[in-house]
Amino acid sequence: MLLMPPWPLPPDLAIFCAHPDAHGSRSVPSDPLAWLPNLTARKVQAIPGSLPEDIADSLAGWATHYLVLAVVGVSSPAVTPALAPHGERFAAFFQERYDYDRITTCLRRDVLAWQRARTDQGLAPATVNNPLAPLCAYTTWVAAQPPTVFPLGDPAKGIRAYVPLTDCAYGAC
């Protein structure tokens, strides 16, 4: 039995409650998910029928699905092409390091190693940190899909930006 609160509901919440018909009985909407597009952003909507089973166990395969489902059409057209190279660079680093790119084996230590390798190349701190946010967004999105993709959780969660230590950090200033 559906209970209605004694106060009037705001119009955006009224769609959650069945409305009485002409006879005073409450009817249930025929499509229980009809309200979903009105309340959630496209990024957080569940994909009906879940993700396809044919997604390969690879960083590149999941990156393609991430770009198609969560970036294209959501982010501005100027930002979308700038996000793809970051995932490609991480996948290339992972492939070079392990000779495969199975996403299920990606761990936090791999993201940290990528950050450290970019630092060891002598890149500026801003250049090292720039791809970290898109990579975190990608791994967070993938981790929210089937939970078995990252068995030990989101590998980029909690990784902080690289800040170089200077002589001043050691009290030499």
Protein backbone atom coordinates (compact mmCIF):
# COMPACT_ATOMS: atom_id res chain seq x y z
CA MET A 1 0.00 0.00 0.00
CA LEU A 2 1.33 3.40 -0.97
CA LEU A 3 1.07 6.10 1.68
CA MET A 4 0.89 9.73 0.71
CA PRO A 5 2.32 12.41 3.01
CA PRO A 6 -0.16 14.86 4.55
CA TRP A 7 1.54 17.83 2.85
CA PRO A 8 1.44 18.58 -0.88
CA LEU A 9 4.34 17.16 -2.89
CA PRO A 10 6.49 19.35 -5.11
CA PRO A 11 5.75 18.71 -8.81
CA ASP A 12 9.09 16.99 -9.42
CA LEU A 13 8.47 14.48 -6.64
CA ALA A 14 4.84 13.88 -7.45
CA ILE A 15 5.84 11.54 -10.25
CA PHE A 16 7.15 9.06 -7.66
CA CYS A 17 3.72 8.63 -6.15
CA ALA A 18 0.76 7.00 -7.76
CA HIS A 19 -2.03 9.47 -8.36
CA PRO A 20 -5.63 8.63 -7.54
CA ASP A 21 -7.78 8.00 -10.57
CA ALA A 22 -11.42 9.06 -10.96
CA HIS A 23 -12.59 6.27 -8.64
CA GLY A 24 -10.20 7.22 -5.82
CA SER A 25 -7.93 4.19 -6.20
CA ARG A 26 -4.23 4.60 -6.78
CA SER A 27 -2.78 3.52 -10.09
CA VAL A 28 0.81 2.51 -10.68
CA PRO A 29 2.61 3.87 -13.75
CA SER A 30 3.01 1.28 -16.49
CA ASP A 31 6.73 2.08 -16.92
CA PRO A 32 8.43 2.39 -13.52
CA LEU A 33 11.57 3.91 -15.10
CA ALA A 34 9.74 6.60 -17.05
CA TRP A 35 10.90 9.24 -14.55
CA LEU A 36 14.61 8.28 -14.75
CA PRO A 37 15.69 10.72 -17.52
CA ASN A 38 14.08 13.61 -15.66
CA LEU A 39 15.99 13.08 -12.44
CA THR A 40 19.43 11.78 -13.23
CA ALA A 41 22.18 13.06 -15.43
CA ARG A 42 23.09 10.93 -18.41
CA LYS A 43 26.39 10.04 -16.78
CA VAL A 44 24.77 8.28 -13.83
CA GLN A 45 21.86 6.57 -15.54
CA ALA A 46 21.96 2.81 -15.54
CA ILE A 47 22.18 1.42 -19.02
CA PRO A 48 19.14 -0.79 -19.65
CA GLY A 49 20.28 -4.39 -20.00
CA SER A 50 23.72 -3.46 -18.57
CA LEU A 51 26.84 -3.24 -20.67
CA PRO A 52 27.39 -5.60 -23.58
CA GLU A 53 29.05 -8.87 -22.77
CA ASP A 54 31.47 -8.45 -25.68
CA ILE A 55 33.65 -5.80 -24.03
CA ALA A 56 37.16 -7.17 -24.11
CA ASP A 57 39.19 -7.41 -20.92
CA SER A 58 41.38 -4.53 -22.06
CA LEU A 59 42.04 -0.96 -21.07
CA ALA A 60 41.55 0.17 -24.66
CA GLY A 61 38.19 -1.61 -25.01
CA TRP A 62 36.80 -0.09 -21.83
CA ALA A 63 38.25 3.31 -22.75
CA THR A 64 36.30 3.24 -26.00
CA HIS A 65 33.07 2.42 -24.18
CA TYR A 66 33.78 5.13 -21.60
CA LEU A 67 34.27 7.74 -24.32
CA VAL A 68 31.13 6.68 -26.18
CA LEU A 69 28.83 6.30 -23.18
CA ALA A 70 30.05 8.91 -20.71
CA VAL A 71 32.01 11.60 -22.56
CA VAL A 72 30.71 12.15 -26.10
CA GLY A 73 27.58 14.24 -25.93
CA VAL A 74 28.05 15.02 -22.23
CA SER A 75 31.29 17.00 -22.25
CA SER A 76 31.74 19.94 -24.55
CA PRO A 77 32.95 19.15 -28.08
CA ALA A 78 36.22 20.97 -27.38
CA VAL A 79 36.99 18.80 -24.34
CA THR A 80 36.07 15.41 -25.79
CA PRO A 81 39.06 15.01 -28.16
CA ALA A 82 41.44 16.11 -25.41
CA LEU A 83 40.40 13.27 -23.08
CA ALA A 84 41.14 10.33 -25.39
CA PRO A 85 44.97 10.66 -25.49
CA HIS A 86 45.29 10.40 -21.69
CA GLY A 87 43.69 6.96 -21.62
CA GLU A 88 45.72 5.89 -24.64
CA ARG A 89 48.97 6.93 -22.96
CA PHE A 90 48.14 5.02 -19.80
CA ALA A 91 47.13 1.94 -21.84
CA ALA A 92 50.42 2.17 -23.80
CA PHE A 93 52.40 2.40 -20.53
CA PHE A 94 50.51 -0.59 -19.13
CA GLN A 95 51.02 -2.59 -22.35
CA GLU A 96 54.73 -1.80 -22.39
CA ARG A 97 55.12 -2.74 -18.74
CA TYR A 98 53.23 -6.05 -18.76
CA ASP A 99 52.95 -7.03 -22.46
CA TYR A 100 49.15 -7.10 -22.13
CA ASP A 101 46.43 -4.60 -21.28
CA ARG A 102 43.97 -6.64 -19.22
CA ILE A 103 41.95 -4.13 -17.24
CA THR A 104 41.15 -6.66 -14.52
CA THR A 105 44.80 -6.72 -13.49
CA CYS A 106 45.19 -2.93 -13.22
CA LEU A 107 46.07 -1.91 -9.67
CA ARG A 108 46.78 1.27 -7.78
CA ARG A 109 50.51 0.57 -8.01
CA ASP A 110 50.22 0.73 -11.83
CA VAL A 111 48.71 4.22 -11.75
CA LEU A 112 51.38 5.31 -9.27
CA ALA A 113 54.10 3.75 -11.46
CA TRP A 114 52.75 5.65 -14.47
CA GLN A 115 52.83 8.88 -12.48
CA ARG A 116 56.38 8.11 -11.31
CA ALA A 117 57.53 7.22 -14.84
CA ARG A 118 56.22 10.53 -16.16
CA THR A 119 58.07 12.30 -13.34
CA ASP A 120 61.28 10.41 -14.14
CA GLN A 121 61.02 11.57 -17.76
CA GLY A 122 61.65 15.07 -16.45
CA LEU A 123 58.19 16.37 -17.27
CA ALA A 124 56.92 19.43 -15.47
CA PRO A 125 54.62 18.76 -12.49
CA ALA A 126 51.63 20.22 -14.37
CA THR A 127 52.32 17.86 -17.28
CA VAL A 128 52.54 14.92 -14.89
CA ASN A 129 49.32 15.85 -13.10
CA ASN A 130 47.24 16.90 -16.13
CA PRO A 131 46.18 13.37 -17.20
CA LEU A 132 45.47 12.22 -13.65
CA ALA A 133 41.97 13.73 -13.44
CA PRO A 134 40.73 12.19 -16.72
CA LEU A 135 42.25 8.84 -15.74
CA CYS A 136 40.50 9.01 -12.35
CA ALA A 137 37.20 9.83 -14.06
CA TYR A 138 37.68 6.87 -16.42
CA THR A 139 38.53 4.35 -13.68
CA THR A 140 35.72 5.63 -11.46
CA TRP A 141 33.24 5.16 -14.29
CA VAL A 142 34.54 1.67 -15.07
CA ALA A 143 34.48 0.71 -11.38
CA ALA A 144 30.81 1.74 -11.23
CA GLN A 145 29.95 -0.69 -14.03
CA PRO A 146 30.34 -4.41 -13.29
CA PRO A 147 32.18 -4.51 -9.94
CA THR A 148 34.35 -7.40 -11.10
CA VAL A 149 36.31 -5.25 -13.55
CA PHE A 150 38.59 -3.97 -10.78
CA PRO A 151 38.66 -6.79 -8.20
CA LEU A 152 40.57 -4.65 -5.69
CA GLY A 153 38.61 -1.46 -6.34
CA ASP A 154 39.22 1.69 -8.32
CA PRO A 155 42.99 1.84 -8.97
CA ALA A 156 43.12 5.63 -9.27
CA LYS A 157 41.04 6.40 -6.20
CA GLY A 158 42.85 8.55 -3.68
CA ILE A 159 45.95 9.19 -5.80
CA ARG A 160 47.11 12.72 -5.23
CA ALA A 161 48.77 15.07 -7.64
CA TYR A 162 52.55 14.99 -7.84
CA VAL A 163 54.21 17.85 -5.99
CA PRO A 164 57.98 18.08 -6.42
CA LEU A 165 60.06 18.47 -3.31
CA THR A 166 62.43 21.39 -3.44
CA ASP A 167 65.31 22.31 -1.20
CA CYS A 168 62.88 24.50 0.71
CA ALA A 169 60.90 21.39 1.67
CA TYR A 170 63.97 20.13 3.52
CA GLY A 171 64.51 23.42 5.36
CA ALA A 172 67.49 24.53 3.26
CA CYS A 173 65.93 27.87 2.29
